[in-house]
Amino acid sequence: MKLQYLRAFIVLLAGLIALIINMKTGREVTRSLLIVLIVIVVFYFIATLVVEILQQGMEKAAEKDRELEEQRRLEERQEELEKQKQSEAGDLEDSNGVIEEDF
């Protein structure tokens, strides 16, 4: 979605450059329009390929980020559970010591 205007930008920029070059060289209007049309069609396909490649790369990066975030959450949760077990084990040792002293 971030790349929705990239294709149009590439095509329009290529068309503008072709038009400026045709004006500078003094070509006929019909020939110039034909050249600009061909440039627009060719660059539309090129821009489509570029956008697809970029979207796939961005999706892979986002998936990798999600996996890393999930792994980090699991590690944090595991550390919390270990701390809880250690504190419970410490509480049991303290309570065992108190009970033995009473007998």
N, C-alpha and C. Protein backbone atom coordinates (compact mmCIF):
# COMPACT_ATOMS: atom_id res chain seq x y z
N MET A 1 0.82 -1.19 0.00
CA MET A 1 0.00 0.00 0.00
C MET A 1 0.86 1.25 0.00
N LYS A 2 2.04 1.16 0.58
CA LYS A 2 2.93 2.31 0.60
C LYS A 2 3.43 2.66 -0.78
N LEU A 3 3.35 1.74 -1.71
CA LEU A 3 3.90 1.93 -3.05
C LEU A 3 2.84 2.19 -4.11
N GLN A 4 1.64 2.56 -3.71
CA GLN A 4 0.55 2.66 -4.67
C GLN A 4 0.77 3.72 -5.73
N TYR A 5 1.51 4.78 -5.45
CA TYR A 5 1.72 5.83 -6.43
C TYR A 5 3.07 5.73 -7.14
N LEU A 6 3.87 4.77 -6.77
CA LEU A 6 5.20 4.64 -7.36
C LEU A 6 5.12 4.31 -8.85
N ARG A 7 4.23 3.42 -9.23
CA ARG A 7 4.09 3.04 -10.63
C ARG A 7 3.73 4.25 -11.49
N ALA A 8 2.76 5.02 -11.05
CA ALA A 8 2.34 6.21 -11.80
C ALA A 8 3.48 7.24 -11.88
N PHE A 9 4.21 7.40 -10.78
CA PHE A 9 5.31 8.35 -10.77
C PHE A 9 6.38 7.95 -11.78
N ILE A 10 6.74 6.68 -11.82
CA ILE A 10 7.77 6.21 -12.75
C ILE A 10 7.31 6.41 -14.19
N VAL A 11 6.08 6.06 -14.48
CA VAL A 11 5.56 6.17 -15.84
C VAL A 11 5.49 7.64 -16.27
N LEU A 12 4.98 8.49 -15.41
CA LEU A 12 4.86 9.90 -15.78
C LEU A 12 6.23 10.56 -15.93
N LEU A 13 7.16 10.20 -15.09
CA LEU A 13 8.50 10.75 -15.20
C LEU A 13 9.16 10.32 -16.51
N ALA A 14 9.02 9.06 -16.88
CA ALA A 14 9.59 8.58 -18.15
C ALA A 14 8.92 9.28 -19.33
N GLY A 15 7.61 9.45 -19.27
CA GLY A 15 6.90 10.15 -20.34
C GLY A 15 7.33 11.60 -20.46
N LEU A 16 7.52 12.25 -19.31
CA LEU A 16 7.97 13.64 -19.32
C LEU A 16 9.36 13.78 -19.92
N ILE A 17 10.26 12.89 -19.54
CA ILE A 17 11.62 12.93 -20.09
C ILE A 17 11.60 12.69 -21.60
N ALA A 18 10.80 11.71 -22.03
CA ALA A 18 10.69 11.44 -23.47
C ALA A 18 10.11 12.63 -24.21
N LEU A 19 9.13 13.27 -23.63
CA LEU A 19 8.52 14.44 -24.26
C LEU A 19 9.51 15.60 -24.37
N ILE A 20 10.26 15.84 -23.31
CA ILE A 20 11.26 16.93 -23.34
C ILE A 20 12.33 16.64 -24.39
N ILE A 21 12.79 15.40 -24.46
CA ILE A 21 13.81 15.05 -25.46
C ILE A 21 13.25 15.22 -26.87
N ASN A 22 12.00 14.83 -27.07
CA ASN A 22 11.39 14.99 -28.40
C ASN A 22 11.24 16.46 -28.77
N MET A 23 10.93 17.30 -27.80
CA MET A 23 10.80 18.73 -28.08
C MET A 23 12.16 19.34 -28.41
N LYS A 24 13.19 18.93 -27.68
CA LYS A 24 14.54 19.47 -27.93
C LYS A 24 15.08 19.07 -29.30
N THR A 25 14.76 17.85 -29.72
CA THR A 25 15.27 17.38 -31.02
C THR A 25 14.41 17.86 -32.17
N GLY A 26 13.24 18.40 -31.91
CA GLY A 26 12.39 18.97 -32.96
C GLY A 26 11.68 17.93 -33.81
N ARG A 27 11.30 16.83 -33.24
CA ARG A 27 10.58 15.79 -33.99
C ARG A 27 9.15 16.24 -34.27
N GLU A 28 8.54 15.58 -35.26
CA GLU A 28 7.14 15.87 -35.59
C GLU A 28 6.25 15.48 -34.41
N VAL A 29 5.09 16.09 -34.33
CA VAL A 29 4.18 15.85 -33.22
C VAL A 29 3.69 14.40 -33.22
N THR A 30 3.29 13.87 -34.37
CA THR A 30 2.77 12.51 -34.41
C THR A 30 3.85 11.50 -34.03
N ARG A 31 5.06 11.71 -34.55
CA ARG A 31 6.16 10.79 -34.20
C ARG A 31 6.49 10.93 -32.71
N SER A 32 6.49 12.14 -32.21
CA SER A 32 6.78 12.39 -30.80
C SER A 32 5.74 11.71 -29.90
N LEU A 33 4.46 11.81 -30.27
CA LEU A 33 3.40 11.17 -29.48
C LEU A 33 3.50 9.65 -29.52
N LEU A 34 3.89 9.11 -30.67
CA LEU A 34 4.09 7.67 -30.78
C LEU A 34 5.23 7.21 -29.87
N ILE A 35 6.31 7.95 -29.86
CA ILE A 35 7.45 7.62 -29.00
C ILE A 35 7.05 7.70 -27.53
N VAL A 36 6.33 8.75 -27.15
CA VAL A 36 5.89 8.90 -25.76
C VAL A 36 4.95 7.76 -25.38
N LEU A 37 4.06 7.35 -26.28
CA LEU A 37 3.15 6.24 -26.00
C LEU A 37 3.93 4.95 -25.77
N ILE A 38 4.90 4.69 -26.61
CA ILE A 38 5.73 3.49 -26.44
C ILE A 38 6.49 3.54 -25.12
N VAL A 39 7.05 4.69 -24.80
CA VAL A 39 7.78 4.85 -23.53
C VAL A 39 6.86 4.59 -22.34
N ILE A 40 5.64 5.12 -22.40
CA ILE A 40 4.69 4.94 -21.30
C ILE A 40 4.34 3.46 -21.12
N VAL A 41 4.08 2.76 -22.21
CA VAL A 41 3.73 1.33 -22.12
C VAL A 41 4.90 0.53 -21.57
N VAL A 42 6.11 0.76 -22.10
CA VAL A 42 7.27 0.01 -21.65
C VAL A 42 7.55 0.28 -20.17
N PHE A 43 7.51 1.54 -19.78
CA PHE A 43 7.82 1.87 -18.39
C PHE A 43 6.69 1.46 -17.45
N TYR A 44 5.47 1.31 -17.95
CA TYR A 44 4.40 0.78 -17.10
C TYR A 44 4.73 -0.64 -16.68
N PHE A 45 5.17 -1.46 -17.63
CA PHE A 45 5.52 -2.84 -17.30
C PHE A 45 6.76 -2.90 -16.40
N ILE A 46 7.73 -2.06 -16.68
CA ILE A 46 8.92 -2.02 -15.82
C ILE A 46 8.54 -1.60 -14.41
N ALA A 47 7.71 -0.57 -14.30
CA ALA A 47 7.30 -0.08 -12.98
C ALA A 47 6.48 -1.13 -12.24
N THR A 48 5.66 -1.89 -12.96
CA THR A 48 4.88 -2.95 -12.33
C THR A 48 5.80 -4.00 -11.73
N LEU A 49 6.82 -4.40 -12.47
CA LEU A 49 7.79 -5.37 -11.94
C LEU A 49 8.52 -4.82 -10.72
N VAL A 50 8.93 -3.56 -10.78
CA VAL A 50 9.65 -2.94 -9.66
C VAL A 50 8.77 -2.90 -8.42
N VAL A 51 7.52 -2.52 -8.58
CA VAL A 51 6.59 -2.44 -7.44
C VAL A 51 6.36 -3.82 -6.84
N GLU A 52 6.19 -4.82 -7.67
CA GLU A 52 5.98 -6.18 -7.16
C GLU A 52 7.19 -6.67 -6.39
N ILE A 53 8.37 -6.44 -6.92
CA ILE A 53 9.60 -6.86 -6.24
C ILE A 53 9.74 -6.14 -4.90
N LEU A 54 9.49 -4.85 -4.88
CA LEU A 54 9.58 -4.09 -3.63
C LEU A 54 8.55 -4.55 -2.61
N GLN A 55 7.33 -4.84 -3.07
CA GLN A 55 6.29 -5.30 -2.14
C GLN A 55 6.65 -6.65 -1.54
N GLN A 56 7.20 -7.55 -2.35
CA GLN A 56 7.61 -8.85 -1.82
C GLN A 56 8.72 -8.69 -0.80
N GLY A 57 9.67 -7.81 -1.09
CA GLY A 57 10.75 -7.56 -0.13
C GLY A 57 10.24 -6.97 1.17
N MET A 58 9.30 -6.05 1.06
CA MET A 58 8.73 -5.44 2.26
C MET A 58 7.93 -6.45 3.07
N GLU A 59 7.20 -7.34 2.39
CA GLU A 59 6.43 -8.37 3.09
C GLU A 59 7.34 -9.35 3.81
N LYS A 60 8.45 -9.72 3.17
CA LYS A 60 9.40 -10.62 3.82
C LYS A 60 10.03 -9.96 5.04
N ALA A 61 10.36 -8.67 4.91
CA ALA A 61 10.94 -7.96 6.05
C ALA A 61 9.93 -7.84 7.19
N ALA A 62 8.68 -7.58 6.86
CA ALA A 62 7.65 -7.47 7.89
C ALA A 62 7.43 -8.82 8.57
N GLU A 63 7.46 -9.89 7.81
CA GLU A 63 7.29 -11.23 8.39
C GLU A 63 8.46 -11.56 9.32
N LYS A 64 9.65 -11.20 8.90
CA LYS A 64 10.82 -11.44 9.73
C LYS A 64 10.73 -10.63 11.03
N ASP A 65 10.27 -9.39 10.93
CA ASP A 65 10.09 -8.56 12.13
C ASP A 65 9.06 -9.18 13.07
N ARG A 66 7.97 -9.70 12.51
CA ARG A 66 6.94 -10.33 13.34
C ARG A 66 7.49 -11.57 14.04
N GLU A 67 8.28 -12.35 13.32
CA GLU A 67 8.87 -13.53 13.93
C GLU A 67 9.83 -13.16 15.06
N LEU A 68 10.65 -12.14 14.83
CA LEU A 68 11.58 -11.70 15.87
C LEU A 68 10.83 -11.16 17.09
N GLU A 69 9.76 -10.44 16.85
CA GLU A 69 8.96 -9.89 17.95
C GLU A 69 8.31 -11.03 18.75
N GLU A 70 7.80 -12.03 18.05
CA GLU A 70 7.19 -13.17 18.73
C GLU A 70 8.23 -13.94 19.54
N GLN A 71 9.41 -14.11 18.99
CA GLN A 71 10.48 -14.80 19.70
C GLN A 71 10.89 -14.01 20.95
N ARG A 72 10.96 -12.69 20.83
CA ARG A 72 11.31 -11.85 21.98
C ARG A 72 10.24 -11.96 23.07
N ARG A 73 8.98 -11.98 22.68
CA ARG A 73 7.89 -12.12 23.65
C ARG A 73 7.95 -13.46 24.36
N LEU A 74 8.24 -14.52 23.60
CA LEU A 74 8.34 -15.84 24.22
C LEU A 74 9.50 -15.90 25.21
N GLU A 75 10.63 -15.29 24.85
CA GLU A 75 11.78 -15.27 25.76
C GLU A 75 11.46 -14.49 27.03
N GLU A 76 10.77 -13.36 26.89
CA GLU A 76 10.38 -12.57 28.07
C GLU A 76 9.43 -13.37 28.95
N ARG A 77 8.49 -14.05 28.33
CA ARG A 77 7.53 -14.85 29.11
C ARG A 77 8.24 -16.00 29.82
N GLN A 78 9.20 -16.60 29.15
CA GLN A 78 9.96 -17.69 29.75
C GLN A 78 10.77 -17.18 30.95
N GLU A 79 11.37 -16.00 30.81
CA GLU A 79 12.12 -15.41 31.93
C GLU A 79 11.20 -15.12 33.11
N GLU A 80 10.00 -14.62 32.84
CA GLU A 80 9.04 -14.34 33.91
C GLU A 80 8.66 -15.63 34.64
N LEU A 81 8.43 -16.69 33.87
CA LEU A 81 8.07 -17.96 34.50
C LEU A 81 9.21 -18.50 35.35
N GLU A 82 10.45 -18.36 34.88
CA GLU A 82 11.60 -18.81 35.66
C GLU A 82 11.73 -18.01 36.95
N LYS A 83 11.50 -16.71 36.88
CA LYS A 83 11.56 -15.88 38.09
C LYS A 83 10.47 -16.27 39.07
N GLN A 84 9.28 -16.57 38.55
CA GLN A 84 8.19 -16.99 39.43
C GLN A 84 8.52 -18.31 40.11
N LYS A 85 9.10 -19.24 39.35
CA LYS A 85 9.47 -20.54 39.93
C LYS A 85 10.54 -20.36 41.00
N GLN A 86 11.51 -19.49 40.73
CA GLN A 86 12.57 -19.25 41.71
C GLN A 86 12.01 -18.61 42.97
N SER A 87 11.11 -17.65 42.80
CA SER A 87 10.55 -17.00 43.98
C SER A 87 9.66 -17.98 44.76
N GLU A 88 8.92 -18.84 44.08
CA GLU A 88 8.10 -19.83 44.76
C GLU A 88 8.97 -20.85 45.48
N ALA A 89 10.09 -21.24 44.85
CA ALA A 89 11.00 -22.18 45.49
C ALA A 89 11.62 -21.55 46.73
N GLY A 90 11.94 -20.27 46.66
CA GLY A 90 12.48 -19.57 47.81
C GLY A 90 11.45 -19.44 48.92
N ASP A 91 10.21 -19.21 48.57
CA ASP A 91 9.14 -19.12 49.58
C ASP A 91 8.93 -20.47 50.26
N LEU A 92 9.01 -21.55 49.49
CA LEU A 92 8.84 -22.88 50.08
C LEU A 92 9.98 -23.19 51.04
N GLU A 93 11.19 -22.82 50.69
CA GLU A 93 12.33 -23.06 51.59
C GLU A 93 12.16 -22.28 52.88
N ASP A 94 11.72 -21.04 52.78
CA ASP A 94 11.50 -20.22 53.97
C ASP A 94 10.40 -20.82 54.84
N SER A 95 9.33 -21.26 54.22
CA SER A 95 8.23 -21.81 55.00
C SER A 95 8.62 -23.16 55.61
N ASN A 96 9.42 -23.97 54.94
CA ASN A 96 9.89 -25.23 55.49
C ASN A 96 10.76 -24.98 56.72
N GLY A 97 11.58 -23.97 56.66
CA GLY A 97 12.44 -23.64 57.80
C GLY A 97 11.62 -23.23 58.99
N VAL A 98 10.55 -22.51 58.80
CA VAL A 98 9.71 -22.05 59.90
C VAL A 98 8.98 -23.24 60.51
N ILE A 99 8.50 -24.14 59.70
CA ILE A 99 7.76 -25.28 60.20
C ILE A 99 8.68 -26.19 61.01
N GLU A 100 9.89 -26.41 60.59
CA GLU A 100 10.82 -27.27 61.31
C GLU A 100 11.17 -26.67 62.66
N GLU A 101 11.24 -25.36 62.76
CA GLU A 101 11.59 -24.72 64.02
C GLU A 101 10.46 -24.89 65.03
N ASP A 102 9.22 -24.94 64.57
CA ASP A 102 8.10 -25.09 65.48
C ASP A 102 8.08 -26.49 66.11
N PHE A 103 8.55 -27.50 65.45
CA PHE A 103 8.50 -28.86 65.97
C PHE A 103 9.65 -29.04 66.86
